[in-house]
Amino acid sequence: MMKNVDAGENSGIAMNSRVLVFPGTDHEKSGVVVEDFADAAGKAVEIGGHTIVEAARRWAVTLDDGGLVFVDDDSLTAEPTD
């Protein structure tokens, strides 16, 4: 597993953290971080001026509803603890 760097360290988000994905939207869901790709997230691939594939996302999150999503820092936040 990769080391948490940059925004992950500053946000309190790390492996096994409970998070909200797409917070504050109609698509908000909760789940657990299962992978941090950090610097390995990569860059978009362009050939001949055409984007073939977008950059990979930093975080893999297993959702409580059984789904799996890949998101960047701006699409998740630590789940509030009550």
PDB file of N, CA and C in Angstrom:
ATOM      1  N   MET A   1       0.834  -1.177   0.000  1.00  0.00           N
ATOM      2  CA  MET A   1       0.000   0.000   0.000  1.00  0.00           C
ATOM      3  C   MET A   1       0.878   1.241   0.000  1.00  0.00           C
ATOM      4  N   MET A   2       0.382   2.289  -0.603  1.00  0.00           N
ATOM      5  CA  MET A   2       1.171   3.492  -0.767  1.00  0.00           C
ATOM      6  C   MET A   2       1.032   4.438   0.420  1.00  0.00           C
ATOM      7  N   LYS A   3       2.043   5.256   0.592  1.00  0.00           N
ATOM      8  CA  LYS A   3       2.049   6.250   1.661  1.00  0.00           C
ATOM      9  C   LYS A   3       1.102   7.387   1.317  1.00  0.00           C
ATOM     10  N   ASN A   4       0.372   7.884   2.313  1.00  0.00           N
ATOM     11  CA  ASN A   4      -0.506   9.030   2.102  1.00  0.00           C
ATOM     12  C   ASN A   4       0.337  10.292   2.025  1.00  0.00           C
ATOM     13  N   VAL A   5       0.107  11.102   1.019  1.00  0.00           N
ATOM     14  CA  VAL A   5       0.853  12.338   0.848  1.00  0.00           C
ATOM     15  C   VAL A   5      -0.093  13.472   0.525  1.00  0.00           C
ATOM     16  N   ASP A   6       0.451  14.678   0.502  1.00  0.00           N
ATOM     17  CA  ASP A   6      -0.289  15.871   0.093  1.00  0.00           C
ATOM     18  C   ASP A   6      -1.613  16.021   0.826  1.00  0.00           C
ATOM     19  N   ALA A   7      -2.685  16.182   0.089  1.00  0.00           N
ATOM     20  CA  ALA A   7      -3.988  16.499   0.673  1.00  0.00           C
ATOM     21  C   ALA A   7      -4.471  15.413   1.616  1.00  0.00           C
ATOM     22  N   GLY A   8      -4.105  14.173   1.378  1.00  0.00           N
ATOM     23  CA  GLY A   8      -4.533  13.096   2.257  1.00  0.00           C
ATOM     24  C   GLY A   8      -4.069  13.315   3.683  1.00  0.00           C
ATOM     25  N   GLU A   9      -2.817  13.703   3.874  1.00  0.00           N
ATOM     26  CA  GLU A   9      -2.300  13.943   5.217  1.00  0.00           C
ATOM     27  C   GLU A   9      -2.976  15.145   5.849  1.00  0.00           C
ATOM     28  N   ASN A  10      -3.229  16.175   5.086  1.00  0.00           N
ATOM     29  CA  ASN A  10      -3.813  17.398   5.620  1.00  0.00           C
ATOM     30  C   ASN A  10      -5.299  17.248   5.915  1.00  0.00           C
ATOM     31  N   SER A  11      -5.989  16.341   5.259  1.00  0.00           N
ATOM     32  CA  SER A  11      -7.434  16.215   5.398  1.00  0.00           C
ATOM     33  C   SER A  11      -7.853  15.174   6.425  1.00  0.00           C
ATOM     34  N   GLY A  12      -6.908  14.395   6.929  1.00  0.00           N
ATOM     35  CA  GLY A  12      -7.251  13.321   7.843  1.00  0.00           C
ATOM     36  C   GLY A  12      -7.736  12.076   7.138  1.00  0.00           C
ATOM     37  N   ILE A  13      -7.673  12.061   5.813  1.00  0.00           N
ATOM     38  CA  ILE A  13      -8.107  10.895   5.039  1.00  0.00           C
ATOM     39  C   ILE A  13      -6.902   9.993   4.811  1.00  0.00           C
ATOM     40  N   ALA A  14      -7.090   8.712   5.106  1.00  0.00           N
ATOM     41  CA  ALA A  14      -6.029   7.720   4.953  1.00  0.00           C
ATOM     42  C   ALA A  14      -6.681   6.359   4.715  1.00  0.00           C
ATOM     43  N   MET A  15      -5.868   5.352   4.551  1.00  0.00           N
ATOM     44  CA  MET A  15      -6.377   3.998   4.390  1.00  0.00           C
ATOM     45  C   MET A  15      -7.305   3.648   5.548  1.00  0.00           C
ATOM     46  N   ASN A  16      -8.404   2.995   5.239  1.00  0.00           N
ATOM     47  CA  ASN A  16      -9.403   2.542   6.207  1.00  0.00           C
ATOM     48  C   ASN A  16     -10.206   3.668   6.855  1.00  0.00           C
ATOM     49  N   SER A  17     -10.060   4.907   6.366  1.00  0.00           N
ATOM     50  CA  SER A  17     -10.853   6.029   6.887  1.00  0.00           C
ATOM     51  C   SER A  17     -12.289   5.930   6.386  1.00  0.00           C
ATOM     52  N   ARG A  18     -13.231   6.300   7.234  1.00  0.00           N
ATOM     53  CA  ARG A  18     -14.622   6.444   6.815  1.00  0.00           C
ATOM     54  C   ARG A  18     -14.729   7.801   6.145  1.00  0.00           C
ATOM     55  N   VAL A  19     -15.348   7.845   4.969  1.00  0.00           N
ATOM     56  CA  VAL A  19     -15.451   9.079   4.194  1.00  0.00           C
ATOM     57  C   VAL A  19     -16.841   9.245   3.605  1.00  0.00           C
ATOM     58  N   LEU A  20     -17.119  10.485   3.203  1.00  0.00           N
ATOM     59  CA  LEU A  20     -18.288  10.798   2.390  1.00  0.00           C
ATOM     60  C   LEU A  20     -17.783  11.104   0.994  1.00  0.00           C
ATOM     61  N   VAL A  21     -18.357  10.451   0.007  1.00  0.00           N
ATOM     62  CA  VAL A  21     -17.999  10.674  -1.394  1.00  0.00           C
ATOM     63  C   VAL A  21     -19.055  11.590  -1.998  1.00  0.00           C
ATOM     64  N   PHE A  22     -18.630  12.562  -2.775  1.00  0.00           N
ATOM     65  CA  PHE A  22     -19.509  13.576  -3.375  1.00  0.00           C
ATOM     66  C   PHE A  22     -20.332  14.284  -2.293  1.00  0.00           C
ATOM     67  N   PRO A  23     -19.660  14.760  -1.224  1.00  0.00           N
ATOM     68  CA  PRO A  23     -20.389  15.376  -0.103  1.00  0.00           C
ATOM     69  C   PRO A  23     -21.193  16.597  -0.529  1.00  0.00           C
ATOM     70  N   GLY A  24     -22.371  16.732   0.080  1.00  0.00           N
ATOM     71  CA  GLY A  24     -23.221  17.886  -0.175  1.00  0.00           C
ATOM     72  C   GLY A  24     -23.960  17.859  -1.497  1.00  0.00           C
ATOM     73  N   THR A  25     -23.934  16.718  -2.196  1.00  0.00           N
ATOM     74  CA  THR A  25     -24.648  16.599  -3.468  1.00  0.00           C
ATOM     75  C   THR A  25     -25.739  15.539  -3.346  1.00  0.00           C
ATOM     76  N   ASP A  26     -26.558  15.427  -4.371  1.00  0.00           N
ATOM     77  CA  ASP A  26     -27.588  14.382  -4.412  1.00  0.00           C
ATOM     78  C   ASP A  26     -26.973  12.987  -4.534  1.00  0.00           C
ATOM     79  N   HIS A  27     -25.678  12.924  -4.868  1.00  0.00           N
ATOM     80  CA  HIS A  27     -24.996  11.643  -5.061  1.00  0.00           C
ATOM     81  C   HIS A  27     -24.151  11.243  -3.856  1.00  0.00           C
ATOM     82  N   GLU A  28     -24.279  11.968  -2.740  1.00  0.00           N
ATOM     83  CA  GLU A  28     -23.473  11.701  -1.553  1.00  0.00           C
ATOM     84  C   GLU A  28     -23.668  10.274  -1.063  1.00  0.00           C
ATOM     85  N   LYS A  29     -22.552   9.601  -0.788  1.00  0.00           N
ATOM     86  CA  LYS A  29     -22.574   8.240  -0.251  1.00  0.00           C
ATOM     87  C   LYS A  29     -21.444   8.122   0.763  1.00  0.00           C
ATOM     88  N   SER A  30     -21.560   7.167   1.655  1.00  0.00           N
ATOM     89  CA  SER A  30     -20.493   6.939   2.628  1.00  0.00           C
ATOM     90  C   SER A  30     -19.804   5.624   2.314  1.00  0.00           C
ATOM     91  N   GLY A  31     -18.549   5.534   2.778  1.00  0.00           N
ATOM     92  CA  GLY A  31     -17.781   4.326   2.545  1.00  0.00           C
ATOM     93  C   GLY A  31     -16.445   4.361   3.257  1.00  0.00           C
ATOM     94  N   VAL A  32     -15.559   3.468   2.857  1.00  0.00           N
ATOM     95  CA  VAL A  32     -14.248   3.311   3.479  1.00  0.00           C
ATOM     96  C   VAL A  32     -13.169   3.348   2.396  1.00  0.00           C
ATOM     97  N   VAL A  33     -12.093   4.101   2.653  1.00  0.00           N
ATOM     98  CA  VAL A  33     -10.970   4.165   1.720  1.00  0.00           C
ATOM     99  C   VAL A  33     -10.251   2.816   1.738  1.00  0.00           C
ATOM    100  N   VAL A  34     -10.104   2.193   0.563  1.00  0.00           N
ATOM    101  CA  VAL A  34      -9.428   0.904   0.466  1.00  0.00           C
ATOM    102  C   VAL A  34      -8.087   0.992  -0.256  1.00  0.00           C
ATOM    103  N   GLU A  35      -7.807   2.125  -0.906  1.00  0.00           N
ATOM    104  CA  GLU A  35      -6.496   2.313  -1.549  1.00  0.00           C
ATOM    105  C   GLU A  35      -6.226   3.787  -1.771  1.00  0.00           C
ATOM    106  N   ASP A  36      -4.971   4.163  -1.602  1.00  0.00           N
ATOM    107  CA  ASP A  36      -4.496   5.515  -1.877  1.00  0.00           C
ATOM    108  C   ASP A  36      -3.418   5.399  -2.943  1.00  0.00           C
ATOM    109  N   PHE A  37      -3.734   5.841  -4.153  1.00  0.00           N
ATOM    110  CA  PHE A  37      -2.785   5.734  -5.248  1.00  0.00           C
ATOM    111  C   PHE A  37      -1.770   6.872  -5.266  1.00  0.00           C
ATOM    112  N   ALA A  38      -2.014   7.941  -4.484  1.00  0.00           N
ATOM    113  CA  ALA A  38      -1.096   9.081  -4.311  1.00  0.00           C
ATOM    114  C   ALA A  38      -0.428   9.469  -5.625  1.00  0.00           C
ATOM    115  N   ASP A  39       0.890   9.486  -5.650  1.00  0.00           N
ATOM    116  CA  ASP A  39       1.632   9.933  -6.829  1.00  0.00           C
ATOM    117  C   ASP A  39       1.496   8.994  -8.021  1.00  0.00           C
ATOM    118  N   ALA A  40       1.022   7.780  -7.801  1.00  0.00           N
ATOM    119  CA  ALA A  40       0.855   6.826  -8.890  1.00  0.00           C
ATOM    120  C   ALA A  40      -0.419   7.069  -9.694  1.00  0.00           C
ATOM    121  N   ALA A  41      -1.200   8.083  -9.304  1.00  0.00           N
ATOM    122  CA  ALA A  41      -2.471   8.340  -9.987  1.00  0.00           C
ATOM    123  C   ALA A  41      -2.277   8.640 -11.468  1.00  0.00           C
ATOM    124  N   GLY A  42      -1.170   9.235 -11.840  1.00  0.00           N
ATOM    125  CA  GLY A  42      -0.843   9.396 -13.248  1.00  0.00           C
ATOM    126  C   GLY A  42      -1.391  10.629 -13.923  1.00  0.00           C
ATOM    127  N   LYS A  43      -1.304  10.617 -15.223  1.00  0.00           N
ATOM    128  CA  LYS A  43      -1.709  11.739 -16.059  1.00  0.00           C
ATOM    129  C   LYS A  43      -2.581  11.219 -17.197  1.00  0.00           C
ATOM    130  N   ALA A  44      -3.329  12.138 -17.774  1.00  0.00           N
ATOM    131  CA  ALA A  44      -4.149  11.771 -18.936  1.00  0.00           C
ATOM    132  C   ALA A  44      -3.245  11.354 -20.093  1.00  0.00           C
ATOM    133  N   VAL A  45      -3.757  10.493 -20.960  1.00  0.00           N
ATOM    134  CA  VAL A  45      -3.009  10.046 -22.141  1.00  0.00           C
ATOM    135  C   VAL A  45      -3.625  10.715 -23.365  1.00  0.00           C
ATOM    136  N   GLU A  46      -2.794  11.423 -24.107  1.00  0.00           N
ATOM    137  CA  GLU A  46      -3.246  12.070 -25.338  1.00  0.00           C
ATOM    138  C   GLU A  46      -2.408  11.568 -26.501  1.00  0.00           C
ATOM    139  N   ILE A  47      -3.088  11.293 -27.595  1.00  0.00           N
ATOM    140  CA  ILE A  47      -2.410  10.877 -28.821  1.00  0.00           C
ATOM    141  C   ILE A  47      -2.976  11.706 -29.953  1.00  0.00           C
ATOM    142  N   GLY A  48      -2.107  12.408 -30.642  1.00  0.00           N
ATOM    143  CA  GLY A  48      -2.546  13.223 -31.766  1.00  0.00           C
ATOM    144  C   GLY A  48      -3.554  14.289 -31.368  1.00  0.00           C
ATOM    145  N   GLY A  49      -3.434  14.829 -30.150  1.00  0.00           N
ATOM    146  CA  GLY A  49      -4.347  15.866 -29.702  1.00  0.00           C
ATOM    147  C   GLY A  49      -5.681  15.360 -29.192  1.00  0.00           C
ATOM    148  N   HIS A  50      -5.864  14.054 -29.137  1.00  0.00           N
ATOM    149  CA  HIS A  50      -7.108  13.458 -28.638  1.00  0.00           C
ATOM    150  C   HIS A  50      -6.842  12.766 -27.307  1.00  0.00           C
ATOM    151  N   THR A  51      -7.667  13.067 -26.323  1.00  0.00           N
ATOM    152  CA  THR A  51      -7.525  12.404 -25.029  1.00  0.00           C
ATOM    153  C   THR A  51      -8.047  10.984 -25.152  1.00  0.00           C
ATOM    154  N   ILE A  52      -7.167  10.028 -24.889  1.00  0.00           N
ATOM    155  CA  ILE A  52      -7.520   8.615 -24.970  1.00  0.00           C
ATOM    156  C   ILE A  52      -8.081   8.143 -23.633  1.00  0.00           C
ATOM    157  N   VAL A  53      -7.461   8.602 -22.543  1.00  0.00           N
ATOM    158  CA  VAL A  53      -7.916   8.243 -21.202  1.00  0.00           C
ATOM    159  C   VAL A  53      -7.550   9.376 -20.242  1.00  0.00           C
ATOM    160  N   GLU A  54      -8.449   9.675 -19.335  1.00  0.00           N
ATOM    161  CA  GLU A  54      -8.196  10.702 -18.323  1.00  0.00           C
ATOM    162  C   GLU A  54      -7.248  10.147 -17.262  1.00  0.00           C
ATOM    163  N   ALA A  55      -6.713  11.031 -16.441  1.00  0.00           N
ATOM    164  CA  ALA A  55      -5.831  10.614 -15.354  1.00  0.00           C
ATOM    165  C   ALA A  55      -6.590   9.735 -14.367  1.00  0.00           C
ATOM    166  N   ALA A  56      -5.877   8.778 -13.804  1.00  0.00           N
ATOM    167  CA  ALA A  56      -6.472   7.921 -12.782  1.00  0.00           C
ATOM    168  C   ALA A  56      -6.774   8.741 -11.533  1.00  0.00           C
ATOM    169  N   ARG A  57      -7.732   8.323 -10.759  1.00  0.00           N
ATOM    170  CA  ARG A  57      -8.117   9.004  -9.529  1.00  0.00           C
ATOM    171  C   ARG A  57      -7.232   8.534  -8.376  1.00  0.00           C
ATOM    172  N   ARG A  58      -7.130   9.384  -7.348  1.00  0.00           N
ATOM    173  CA  ARG A  58      -6.245   9.073  -6.226  1.00  0.00           C
ATOM    174  C   ARG A  58      -6.790   8.003  -5.283  1.00  0.00           C
ATOM    175  N   TRP A  59      -8.049   8.084  -4.915  1.00  0.00           N
ATOM    176  CA  TRP A  59      -8.609   7.248  -3.858  1.00  0.00           C
ATOM    177  C   TRP A  59      -9.554   6.183  -4.412  1.00  0.00           C
ATOM    178  N   ALA A  60      -9.465   4.963  -3.885  1.00  0.00           N
ATOM    179  CA  ALA A  60     -10.458   3.915  -4.141  1.00  0.00           C
ATOM    180  C   ALA A  60     -11.280   3.785  -2.867  1.00  0.00           C
ATOM    181  N   VAL A  61     -12.605   3.873  -3.005  1.00  0.00           N
ATOM    182  CA  VAL A  61     -13.501   3.837  -1.847  1.00  0.00           C
ATOM    183  C   VAL A  61     -14.552   2.756  -2.063  1.00  0.00           C
ATOM    184  N   THR A  62     -14.638   1.825  -1.105  1.00  0.00           N
ATOM    185  CA  THR A  62     -15.711   0.846  -1.108  1.00  0.00           C
ATOM    186  C   THR A  62     -16.900   1.494  -0.421  1.00  0.00           C
ATOM    187  N   LEU A  63     -18.008   1.603  -1.136  1.00  0.00           N
ATOM    188  CA  LEU A  63     -19.198   2.257  -0.608  1.00  0.00           C
ATOM    189  C   LEU A  63     -19.988   1.311   0.280  1.00  0.00           C
ATOM    190  N   ASP A  64     -20.716   1.881   1.219  1.00  0.00           N
ATOM    191  CA  ASP A  64     -21.539   1.076   2.114  1.00  0.00           C
ATOM    192  C   ASP A  64     -22.609   0.291   1.361  1.00  0.00           C
ATOM    193  N   ASP A  65     -22.998   0.774   0.161  1.00  0.00           N
ATOM    194  CA  ASP A  65     -24.008   0.051  -0.628  1.00  0.00           C
ATOM    195  C   ASP A  65     -23.399  -1.057  -1.488  1.00  0.00           C
ATOM    196  N   GLY A  66     -22.083  -1.298  -1.325  1.00  0.00           N
ATOM    197  CA  GLY A  66     -21.421  -2.384  -2.043  1.00  0.00           C
ATOM    198  C   GLY A  66     -20.677  -1.948  -3.282  1.00  0.00           C
ATOM    199  N   GLY A  67     -20.831  -0.696  -3.710  1.00  0.00           N
ATOM    200  CA  GLY A  67     -20.142  -0.198  -4.897  1.00  0.00           C
ATOM    201  C   GLY A  67     -18.683   0.157  -4.621  1.00  0.00           C
ATOM    202  N   LEU A  68     -17.968   0.451  -5.669  1.00  0.00           N
ATOM    203  CA  LEU A  68     -16.575   0.883  -5.603  1.00  0.00           C
ATOM    204  C   LEU A  68     -16.437   2.106  -6.487  1.00  0.00           C
ATOM    205  N   VAL A  69     -15.846   3.185  -5.959  1.00  0.00           N
ATOM    206  CA  VAL A  69     -15.614   4.385  -6.751  1.00  0.00           C
ATOM    207  C   VAL A  69     -14.163   4.810  -6.612  1.00  0.00           C
ATOM    208  N   PHE A  70     -13.688   5.501  -7.633  1.00  0.00           N
ATOM    209  CA  PHE A  70     -12.356   6.073  -7.646  1.00  0.00           C
ATOM    210  C   PHE A  70     -12.539   7.583  -7.743  1.00  0.00           C
ATOM    211  N   VAL A  71     -12.004   8.332  -6.779  1.00  0.00           N
ATOM    212  CA  VAL A  71     -12.225   9.776  -6.718  1.00  0.00           C
ATOM    213  C   VAL A  71     -10.939  10.506  -6.355  1.00  0.00           C
ATOM    214  N   ASP A  72     -10.939  11.814  -6.607  1.00  0.00           N
ATOM    215  CA  ASP A  72      -9.842  12.685  -6.200  1.00  0.00           C
ATOM    216  C   ASP A  72     -10.210  13.397  -4.908  1.00  0.00           C
ATOM    217  N   ASP A  73      -9.246  14.143  -4.365  1.00  0.00           N
ATOM    218  CA  ASP A  73      -9.416  14.836  -3.091  1.00  0.00           C
ATOM    219  C   ASP A  73     -10.660  15.714  -3.042  1.00  0.00           C
ATOM    220  N   ASP A  74     -10.985  16.368  -4.155  1.00  0.00           N
ATOM    221  CA  ASP A  74     -12.116  17.301  -4.153  1.00  0.00           C
ATOM    222  C   ASP A  74     -13.479  16.614  -4.154  1.00  0.00           C
ATOM    223  N   SER A  75     -13.503  15.290  -4.230  1.00  0.00           N
ATOM    224  CA  SER A  75     -14.772  14.562  -4.270  1.00  0.00           C
ATOM    225  C   SER A  75     -15.055  13.763  -2.997  1.00  0.00           C
ATOM    226  N   LEU A  76     -14.239  13.971  -1.947  1.00  0.00           N
ATOM    227  CA  LEU A  76     -14.517  13.271  -0.702  1.00  0.00           C
ATOM    228  C   LEU A  76     -14.058  14.084   0.484  1.00  0.00           C
ATOM    229  N   THR A  77     -14.613  13.729   1.628  1.00  0.00           N
ATOM    230  CA  THR A  77     -14.260  14.361   2.891  1.00  0.00           C
ATOM    231  C   THR A  77     -14.371  13.304   3.983  1.00  0.00           C
ATOM    232  N   ALA A  78     -13.652  13.525   5.066  1.00  0.00           N
ATOM    233  CA  ALA A  78     -13.744  12.597   6.185  1.00  0.00           C
ATOM    234  C   ALA A  78     -15.165  12.592   6.712  1.00  0.00           C
ATOM    235  N   GLU A  79     -15.662  11.407   7.050  1.00  0.00           N
ATOM    236  CA  GLU A  79     -17.020  11.302   7.592  1.00  0.00           C
ATOM    237  C   GLU A  79     -17.026  11.893   8.994  1.00  0.00           C
ATOM    238  N   PRO A  80     -17.999  12.772   9.276  1.00  0.00           N
ATOM    239  CA  PRO A  80     -18.063  13.374  10.618  1.00  0.00           C
ATOM    240  C   PRO A  80     -18.286  12.304  11.676  1.00  0.00           C
ATOM    241  N   THR A  81     -17.632  12.462  12.819  1.00  0.00           N
ATOM    242  CA  THR A  81     -17.857  11.545  13.932  1.00  0.00           C
ATOM    243  C   THR A  81     -18.757  12.230  14.942  1.00  0.00           C
ATOM    244  N   ASP A  82     -19.754  11.509  15.400  1.00  0.00           N
ATOM    245  CA  ASP A  82     -20.714  12.082  16.351  1.00  0.00           C
ATOM    246  C   ASP A  82     -20.410  11.602  17.747  1.00  0.00           C
TER     247      ASP A  82
END
